[in-house]
Amino acid sequence: MIELYQRVSLNKDFPEYGLKRGDIATLIDKVPHPSGKEEGYVLEIFNAIGESIKVIIVPKSTVEPLREDEVLSVRSLAQIG
């Protein structure tokens, strides 16, 4: 189970937000779907120096907790698009 304020990774691309699979976010809230479908997660995205750059809502199934066998990497925001 993913807890509030835990860092997570995206498991799919979100071109509408300029985000890619593997990007890291912080879970800041959980929201029910208005029609009773899949719960949503409100995520805050930060740049490499910790500044908040956007807040998005995605389906619960599109995020996963970070694992100890993973390594973080950096990409330029210019690569978003």
PDB file of N, CA and C in Angstrom:
ATOM      1  N   MET A   1       0.848  -1.192   0.000  1.00  0.00           N
ATOM      2  CA  MET A   1       0.000   0.000   0.000  1.00  0.00           C
ATOM      3  C   MET A   1       0.885   1.244   0.000  1.00  0.00           C
ATOM      4  N   ILE A   2       0.528   2.189  -0.819  1.00  0.00           N
ATOM      5  CA  ILE A   2       1.272   3.436  -0.910  1.00  0.00           C
ATOM      6  C   ILE A   2       0.660   4.434   0.069  1.00  0.00           C
ATOM      7  N   GLU A   3       1.505   5.036   0.868  1.00  0.00           N
ATOM      8  CA  GLU A   3       1.069   5.991   1.891  1.00  0.00           C
ATOM      9  C   GLU A   3       1.193   7.420   1.376  1.00  0.00           C
ATOM     10  N   LEU A   4       0.420   8.327   1.981  1.00  0.00           N
ATOM     11  CA  LEU A   4       0.544   9.748   1.640  1.00  0.00           C
ATOM     12  C   LEU A   4       1.966  10.230   1.871  1.00  0.00           C
ATOM     13  N   TYR A   5       2.422  11.094   1.008  1.00  0.00           N
ATOM     14  CA  TYR A   5       3.742  11.735   1.032  1.00  0.00           C
ATOM     15  C   TYR A   5       4.883  10.775   0.714  1.00  0.00           C
ATOM     16  N   GLN A   6       4.536   9.598   0.236  1.00  0.00           N
ATOM     17  CA  GLN A   6       5.554   8.648  -0.207  1.00  0.00           C
ATOM     18  C   GLN A   6       5.912   8.979  -1.660  1.00  0.00           C
ATOM     19  N   ARG A   7       7.192   8.810  -1.997  1.00  0.00           N
ATOM     20  CA  ARG A   7       7.609   8.997  -3.391  1.00  0.00           C
ATOM     21  C   ARG A   7       7.254   7.750  -4.186  1.00  0.00           C
ATOM     22  N   VAL A   8       6.796   7.982  -5.408  1.00  0.00           N
ATOM     23  CA  VAL A   8       6.378   6.905  -6.292  1.00  0.00           C
ATOM     24  C   VAL A   8       6.956   7.150  -7.682  1.00  0.00           C
ATOM     25  N   SER A   9       6.909   6.120  -8.523  1.00  0.00           N
ATOM     26  CA  SER A   9       7.306   6.309  -9.915  1.00  0.00           C
ATOM     27  C   SER A   9       6.113   6.036 -10.815  1.00  0.00           C
ATOM     28  N   LEU A  10       6.083   6.718 -11.941  1.00  0.00           N
ATOM     29  CA  LEU A  10       5.046   6.490 -12.934  1.00  0.00           C
ATOM     30  C   LEU A  10       5.381   5.228 -13.707  1.00  0.00           C
ATOM     31  N   ASN A  11       4.380   4.414 -14.017  1.00  0.00           N
ATOM     32  CA  ASN A  11       4.645   3.214 -14.795  1.00  0.00           C
ATOM     33  C   ASN A  11       4.127   3.329 -16.228  1.00  0.00           C
ATOM     34  N   LYS A  12       3.810   4.553 -16.646  1.00  0.00           N
ATOM     35  CA  LYS A  12       3.435   4.829 -18.031  1.00  0.00           C
ATOM     36  C   LYS A  12       3.713   6.293 -18.332  1.00  0.00           C
ATOM     37  N   ASP A  13       3.796   6.618 -19.609  1.00  0.00           N
ATOM     38  CA  ASP A  13       3.988   8.002 -20.036  1.00  0.00           C
ATOM     39  C   ASP A  13       2.684   8.789 -19.897  1.00  0.00           C
ATOM     40  N   PHE A  14       2.819  10.070 -19.586  1.00  0.00           N
ATOM     41  CA  PHE A  14       1.694  10.995 -19.571  1.00  0.00           C
ATOM     42  C   PHE A  14       2.073  12.206 -20.429  1.00  0.00           C
ATOM     43  N   PRO A  15       2.006  12.060 -21.762  1.00  0.00           N
ATOM     44  CA  PRO A  15       2.429  13.160 -22.636  1.00  0.00           C
ATOM     45  C   PRO A  15       1.637  14.441 -22.415  1.00  0.00           C
ATOM     46  N   GLU A  16       0.384  14.312 -21.971  1.00  0.00           N
ATOM     47  CA  GLU A  16      -0.431  15.509 -21.729  1.00  0.00           C
ATOM     48  C   GLU A  16       0.126  16.344 -20.581  1.00  0.00           C
ATOM     49  N   TYR A  17       0.928  15.741 -19.726  1.00  0.00           N
ATOM     50  CA  TYR A  17       1.583  16.448 -18.619  1.00  0.00           C
ATOM     51  C   TYR A  17       3.080  16.620 -18.853  1.00  0.00           C
ATOM     52  N   GLY A  18       3.593  16.074 -19.966  1.00  0.00           N
ATOM     53  CA  GLY A  18       5.027  16.134 -20.221  1.00  0.00           C
ATOM     54  C   GLY A  18       5.816  15.192 -19.334  1.00  0.00           C
ATOM     55  N   LEU A  19       5.199  14.111 -18.875  1.00  0.00           N
ATOM     56  CA  LEU A  19       5.867  13.179 -17.964  1.00  0.00           C
ATOM     57  C   LEU A  19       6.057  11.822 -18.630  1.00  0.00           C
ATOM     58  N   LYS A  20       7.107  11.134 -18.197  1.00  0.00           N
ATOM     59  CA  LYS A  20       7.452   9.844 -18.787  1.00  0.00           C
ATOM     60  C   LYS A  20       7.503   8.760 -17.728  1.00  0.00           C
ATOM     61  N   ARG A  21       7.345   7.535 -18.206  1.00  0.00           N
ATOM     62  CA  ARG A  21       7.475   6.366 -17.334  1.00  0.00           C
ATOM     63  C   ARG A  21       8.804   6.460 -16.584  1.00  0.00           C
ATOM     64  N   GLY A  22       8.762   6.201 -15.292  1.00  0.00           N
ATOM     65  CA  GLY A  22       9.965   6.276 -14.472  1.00  0.00           C
ATOM     66  C   GLY A  22      10.158   7.606 -13.771  1.00  0.00           C
ATOM     67  N   ASP A  23       9.405   8.634 -14.167  1.00  0.00           N
ATOM     68  CA  ASP A  23       9.507   9.911 -13.466  1.00  0.00           C
ATOM     69  C   ASP A  23       9.005   9.719 -12.032  1.00  0.00           C
ATOM     70  N   ILE A  24       9.595  10.470 -11.129  1.00  0.00           N
ATOM     71  CA  ILE A  24       9.300  10.354  -9.696  1.00  0.00           C
ATOM     72  C   ILE A  24       8.329  11.460  -9.280  1.00  0.00           C
ATOM     73  N   ALA A  25       7.396  11.120  -8.411  1.00  0.00           N
ATOM     74  CA  ALA A  25       6.423  12.075  -7.888  1.00  0.00           C
ATOM     75  C   ALA A  25       6.184  11.761  -6.416  1.00  0.00           C
ATOM     76  N   THR A  26       5.513  12.669  -5.746  1.00  0.00           N
ATOM     77  CA  THR A  26       5.121  12.456  -4.354  1.00  0.00           C
ATOM     78  C   THR A  26       3.605  12.383  -4.284  1.00  0.00           C
ATOM     79  N   LEU A  27       3.097  11.326  -3.660  1.00  0.00           N
ATOM     80  CA  LEU A  27       1.651  11.164  -3.480  1.00  0.00           C
ATOM     81  C   LEU A  27       1.186  12.144  -2.410  1.00  0.00           C
ATOM     82  N   ILE A  28       0.300  13.071  -2.798  1.00  0.00           N
ATOM     83  CA  ILE A  28      -0.155  14.065  -1.820  1.00  0.00           C
ATOM     84  C   ILE A  28      -1.624  13.918  -1.448  1.00  0.00           C
ATOM     85  N   ASP A  29      -2.377  13.115  -2.201  1.00  0.00           N
ATOM     86  CA  ASP A  29      -3.777  12.883  -1.834  1.00  0.00           C
ATOM     87  C   ASP A  29      -4.320  11.719  -2.650  1.00  0.00           C
ATOM     88  N   LYS A  30      -5.409  11.158  -2.159  1.00  0.00           N
ATOM     89  CA  LYS A  30      -6.130  10.093  -2.858  1.00  0.00           C
ATOM     90  C   LYS A  30      -7.540  10.599  -3.078  1.00  0.00           C
ATOM     91  N   VAL A  31      -8.080  10.376  -4.286  1.00  0.00           N
ATOM     92  CA  VAL A  31      -9.415  10.878  -4.594  1.00  0.00           C
ATOM     93  C   VAL A  31     -10.267   9.774  -5.218  1.00  0.00           C
ATOM     94  N   PRO A  32     -11.522   9.682  -4.799  1.00  0.00           N
ATOM     95  CA  PRO A  32     -12.408   8.697  -5.411  1.00  0.00           C
ATOM     96  C   PRO A  32     -12.802   9.138  -6.813  1.00  0.00           C
ATOM     97  N   HIS A  33     -13.056   8.179  -7.679  1.00  0.00           N
ATOM     98  CA  HIS A  33     -13.565   8.490  -9.018  1.00  0.00           C
ATOM     99  C   HIS A  33     -15.034   8.873  -8.872  1.00  0.00           C
ATOM    100  N   PRO A  34     -15.489   9.912  -9.560  1.00  0.00           N
ATOM    101  CA  PRO A  34     -16.880  10.348  -9.397  1.00  0.00           C
ATOM    102  C   PRO A  34     -17.918   9.295  -9.790  1.00  0.00           C
ATOM    103  N   SER A  35     -17.527   8.341 -10.661  1.00  0.00           N
ATOM    104  CA  SER A  35     -18.469   7.302 -11.095  1.00  0.00           C
ATOM    105  C   SER A  35     -18.220   5.973 -10.413  1.00  0.00           C
ATOM    106  N   GLY A  36     -17.382   5.967  -9.373  1.00  0.00           N
ATOM    107  CA  GLY A  36     -17.107   4.737  -8.648  1.00  0.00           C
ATOM    108  C   GLY A  36     -16.080   3.842  -9.306  1.00  0.00           C
ATOM    109  N   LYS A  37     -15.386   4.341 -10.314  1.00  0.00           N
ATOM    110  CA  LYS A  37     -14.350   3.552 -10.985  1.00  0.00           C
ATOM    111  C   LYS A  37     -13.047   3.651 -10.189  1.00  0.00           C
ATOM    112  N   GLU A  38     -11.933   3.491 -10.855  1.00  0.00           N
ATOM    113  CA  GLU A  38     -10.628   3.438 -10.178  1.00  0.00           C
ATOM    114  C   GLU A  38     -10.304   4.729  -9.423  1.00  0.00           C
ATOM    115  N   GLU A  39      -9.827   4.568  -8.204  1.00  0.00           N
ATOM    116  CA  GLU A  39      -9.393   5.695  -7.374  1.00  0.00           C
ATOM    117  C   GLU A  39      -8.268   6.444  -8.078  1.00  0.00           C
ATOM    118  N   GLY A  40      -8.175   7.747  -7.827  1.00  0.00           N
ATOM    119  CA  GLY A  40      -7.105   8.557  -8.389  1.00  0.00           C
ATOM    120  C   GLY A  40      -6.110   8.972  -7.329  1.00  0.00           C
ATOM    121  N   TYR A  41      -4.898   9.264  -7.781  1.00  0.00           N
ATOM    122  CA  TYR A  41      -3.853   9.781  -6.909  1.00  0.00           C
ATOM    123  C   TYR A  41      -3.490  11.187  -7.364  1.00  0.00           C
ATOM    124  N   VAL A  42      -3.402  12.091  -6.413  1.00  0.00           N
ATOM    125  CA  VAL A  42      -2.909  13.435  -6.685  1.00  0.00           C
ATOM    126  C   VAL A  42      -1.416  13.397  -6.417  1.00  0.00           C
ATOM    127  N   LEU A  43      -0.639  13.740  -7.435  1.00  0.00           N
ATOM    128  CA  LEU A  43       0.817  13.681  -7.338  1.00  0.00           C
ATOM    129  C   LEU A  43       1.418  15.056  -7.518  1.00  0.00           C
ATOM    130  N   GLU A  44       2.461  15.333  -6.757  1.00  0.00           N
ATOM    131  CA  GLU A  44       3.228  16.562  -6.949  1.00  0.00           C
ATOM    132  C   GLU A  44       4.558  16.178  -7.572  1.00  0.00           C
ATOM    133  N   ILE A  45       4.907  16.895  -8.635  1.00  0.00           N
ATOM    134  CA  ILE A  45       6.141  16.639  -9.366  1.00  0.00           C
ATOM    135  C   ILE A  45       7.136  17.741  -9.012  1.00  0.00           C
ATOM    136  N   PHE A  46       8.355  17.339  -8.703  1.00  0.00           N
ATOM    137  CA  PHE A  46       9.417  18.277  -8.341  1.00  0.00           C
ATOM    138  C   PHE A  46      10.552  18.192  -9.356  1.00  0.00           C
ATOM    139  N   ASN A  47      11.281  19.306  -9.529  1.00  0.00           N
ATOM    140  CA  ASN A  47      12.480  19.236 -10.358  1.00  0.00           C
ATOM    141  C   ASN A  47      13.629  18.674  -9.517  1.00  0.00           C
ATOM    142  N   ALA A  48      14.812  18.571 -10.108  1.00  0.00           N
ATOM    143  CA  ALA A  48      15.948  17.922  -9.447  1.00  0.00           C
ATOM    144  C   ALA A  48      16.420  18.646  -8.195  1.00  0.00           C
ATOM    145  N   ILE A  49      16.115  19.955  -8.077  1.00  0.00           N
ATOM    146  CA  ILE A  49      16.566  20.677  -6.883  1.00  0.00           C
ATOM    147  C   ILE A  49      15.434  20.889  -5.873  1.00  0.00           C
ATOM    148  N   GLY A  50      14.315  20.167  -6.081  1.00  0.00           N
ATOM    149  CA  GLY A  50      13.257  20.157  -5.084  1.00  0.00           C
ATOM    150  C   GLY A  50      12.178  21.200  -5.229  1.00  0.00           C
ATOM    151  N   GLU A  51      12.143  21.912  -6.352  1.00  0.00           N
ATOM    152  CA  GLU A  51      11.099  22.905  -6.570  1.00  0.00           C
ATOM    153  C   GLU A  51       9.883  22.227  -7.207  1.00  0.00           C
ATOM    154  N   SER A  52       8.702  22.534  -6.696  1.00  0.00           N
ATOM    155  CA  SER A  52       7.479  21.975  -7.249  1.00  0.00           C
ATOM    156  C   SER A  52       7.239  22.537  -8.643  1.00  0.00           C
ATOM    157  N   ILE A  53       6.966  21.644  -9.604  1.00  0.00           N
ATOM    158  CA  ILE A  53       6.733  22.128 -10.969  1.00  0.00           C
ATOM    159  C   ILE A  53       5.313  21.844 -11.469  1.00  0.00           C
ATOM    160  N   LYS A  54       4.616  20.870 -10.886  1.00  0.00           N
ATOM    161  CA  LYS A  54       3.215  20.652 -11.256  1.00  0.00           C
ATOM    162  C   LYS A  54       2.556  19.670 -10.312  1.00  0.00           C
ATOM    163  N   VAL A  55       1.228  19.734 -10.296  1.00  0.00           N
ATOM    164  CA  VAL A  55       0.394  18.802  -9.540  1.00  0.00           C
ATOM    165  C   VAL A  55      -0.569  18.182 -10.539  1.00  0.00           C
ATOM    166  N   ILE A  56      -0.679  16.851 -10.507  1.00  0.00           N
ATOM    167  CA  ILE A  56      -1.515  16.141 -11.463  1.00  0.00           C
ATOM    168  C   ILE A  56      -2.367  15.097 -10.741  1.00  0.00           C
ATOM    169  N   ILE A  57      -3.391  14.616 -11.420  1.00  0.00           N
ATOM    170  CA  ILE A  57      -4.195  13.495 -10.919  1.00  0.00           C
ATOM    171  C   ILE A  57      -4.099  12.372 -11.941  1.00  0.00           C
ATOM    172  N   VAL A  58      -3.757  11.183 -11.462  1.00  0.00           N
ATOM    173  CA  VAL A  58      -3.623  10.012 -12.331  1.00  0.00           C
ATOM    174  C   VAL A  58      -4.334   8.827 -11.690  1.00  0.00           C
ATOM    175  N   PRO A  59      -4.690   7.814 -12.490  1.00  0.00           N
ATOM    176  CA  PRO A  59      -5.279   6.604 -11.907  1.00  0.00           C
ATOM    177  C   PRO A  59      -4.289   5.889 -10.990  1.00  0.00           C
ATOM    178  N   LYS A  60      -4.796   5.300  -9.949  1.00  0.00           N
ATOM    179  CA  LYS A  60      -3.983   4.576  -8.963  1.00  0.00           C
ATOM    180  C   LYS A  60      -3.078   3.531  -9.621  1.00  0.00           C
ATOM    181  N   SER A  61      -3.556   2.874 -10.643  1.00  0.00           N
ATOM    182  CA  SER A  61      -2.802   1.793 -11.285  1.00  0.00           C
ATOM    183  C   SER A  61      -1.581   2.269 -12.067  1.00  0.00           C
ATOM    184  N   THR A  62      -1.424   3.575 -12.223  1.00  0.00           N
ATOM    185  CA  THR A  62      -0.312   4.086 -13.038  1.00  0.00           C
ATOM    186  C   THR A  62       0.897   4.516 -12.214  1.00  0.00           C
ATOM    187  N   VAL A  63       0.869   4.228 -10.920  1.00  0.00           N
ATOM    188  CA  VAL A  63       2.026   4.532 -10.074  1.00  0.00           C
ATOM    189  C   VAL A  63       2.426   3.292  -9.281  1.00  0.00           C
ATOM    190  N   GLU A  64       3.682   3.265  -8.897  1.00  0.00           N
ATOM    191  CA  GLU A  64       4.159   2.171  -8.050  1.00  0.00           C
ATOM    192  C   GLU A  64       5.185   2.717  -7.068  1.00  0.00           C
ATOM    193  N   PRO A  65       5.317   2.066  -5.930  1.00  0.00           N
ATOM    194  CA  PRO A  65       6.302   2.541  -4.950  1.00  0.00           C
ATOM    195  C   PRO A  65       7.711   2.347  -5.479  1.00  0.00           C
ATOM    196  N   LEU A  66       8.626   3.167  -4.992  1.00  0.00           N
ATOM    197  CA  LEU A  66      10.036   2.993  -5.344  1.00  0.00           C
ATOM    198  C   LEU A  66      10.553   1.728  -4.678  1.00  0.00           C
ATOM    199  N   ARG A  67      11.518   1.084  -5.334  1.00  0.00           N
ATOM    200  CA  ARG A  67      12.092  -0.157  -4.800  1.00  0.00           C
ATOM    201  C   ARG A  67      13.577   0.036  -4.539  1.00  0.00           C
ATOM    202  N   GLU A  68      14.117  -0.760  -3.657  1.00  0.00           N
ATOM    203  CA  GLU A  68      15.535  -0.638  -3.297  1.00  0.00           C
ATOM    204  C   GLU A  68      16.473  -1.053  -4.421  1.00  0.00           C
ATOM    205  N   ASP A  69      15.980  -1.766  -5.417  1.00  0.00           N
ATOM    206  CA  ASP A  69      16.844  -2.179  -6.531  1.00  0.00           C
ATOM    207  C   ASP A  69      16.787  -1.198  -7.705  1.00  0.00           C
ATOM    208  N   GLU A  70      16.224   0.000  -7.495  1.00  0.00           N
ATOM    209  CA  GLU A  70      16.132   1.019  -8.531  1.00  0.00           C
ATOM    210  C   GLU A  70      17.121   2.155  -8.257  1.00  0.00           C
ATOM    211  N   VAL A  71      17.536   2.813  -9.335  1.00  0.00           N
ATOM    212  CA  VAL A  71      18.436   3.954  -9.253  1.00  0.00           C
ATOM    213  C   VAL A  71      17.726   5.151  -9.881  1.00  0.00           C
ATOM    214  N   LEU A  72      17.784   6.307  -9.216  1.00  0.00           N
ATOM    215  CA  LEU A  72      17.180   7.516  -9.769  1.00  0.00           C
ATOM    216  C   LEU A  72      18.062   8.068 -10.872  1.00  0.00           C
ATOM    217  N   SER A  73      17.436   8.720 -11.859  1.00  0.00           N
ATOM    218  CA  SER A  73      18.199   9.366 -12.928  1.00  0.00           C
ATOM    219  C   SER A  73      17.610  10.746 -13.172  1.00  0.00           C
ATOM    220  N   VAL A  74      18.267  11.522 -14.007  1.00  0.00           N
ATOM    221  CA  VAL A  74      17.843  12.894 -14.287  1.00  0.00           C
ATOM    222  C   VAL A  74      17.691  13.059 -15.784  1.00  0.00           C
ATOM    223  N   ARG A  75      16.668  13.794 -16.193  1.00  0.00           N
ATOM    224  CA  ARG A  75      16.507  14.181 -17.596  1.00  0.00           C
ATOM    225  C   ARG A  75      16.110  15.637 -17.629  1.00  0.00           C
ATOM    226  N   SER A  76      16.397  16.284 -18.718  1.00  0.00           N
ATOM    227  CA  SER A  76      16.109  17.700 -18.855  1.00  0.00           C
ATOM    228  C   SER A  76      14.619  17.916 -19.083  1.00  0.00           C
ATOM    229  N   LEU A  77      14.088  18.981 -18.507  1.00  0.00           N
ATOM    230  CA  LEU A  77      12.702  19.336 -18.774  1.00  0.00           C
ATOM    231  C   LEU A  77      12.498  19.631 -20.249  1.00  0.00           C
ATOM    232  N   ALA A  78      13.554  20.011 -20.956  1.00  0.00           N
ATOM    233  CA  ALA A  78      13.466  20.260 -22.389  1.00  0.00           C
ATOM    234  C   ALA A  78      13.099  18.997 -23.151  1.00  0.00           C
ATOM    235  N   GLN A  79      13.293  17.819 -22.534  1.00  0.00           N
ATOM    236  CA  GLN A  79      12.941  16.551 -23.173  1.00  0.00           C
ATOM    237  C   GLN A  79      11.463  16.244 -23.046  1.00  0.00           C
ATOM    238  N   ILE A  80      10.746  17.027 -22.283  1.00  0.00           N
ATOM    239  CA  ILE A  80       9.311  16.796 -22.104  1.00  0.00           C
ATOM    240  C   ILE A  80       8.601  17.335 -23.339  1.00  0.00           C
ATOM    241  N   GLY A  81       7.658  16.543 -23.828  1.00  0.00           N
ATOM    242  CA  GLY A  81       6.905  17.075 -24.944  1.00  0.00           C
ATOM    243  C   GLY A  81       6.205  16.078 -25.750  1.00  0.00           C
TER     244      GLY A  81
END
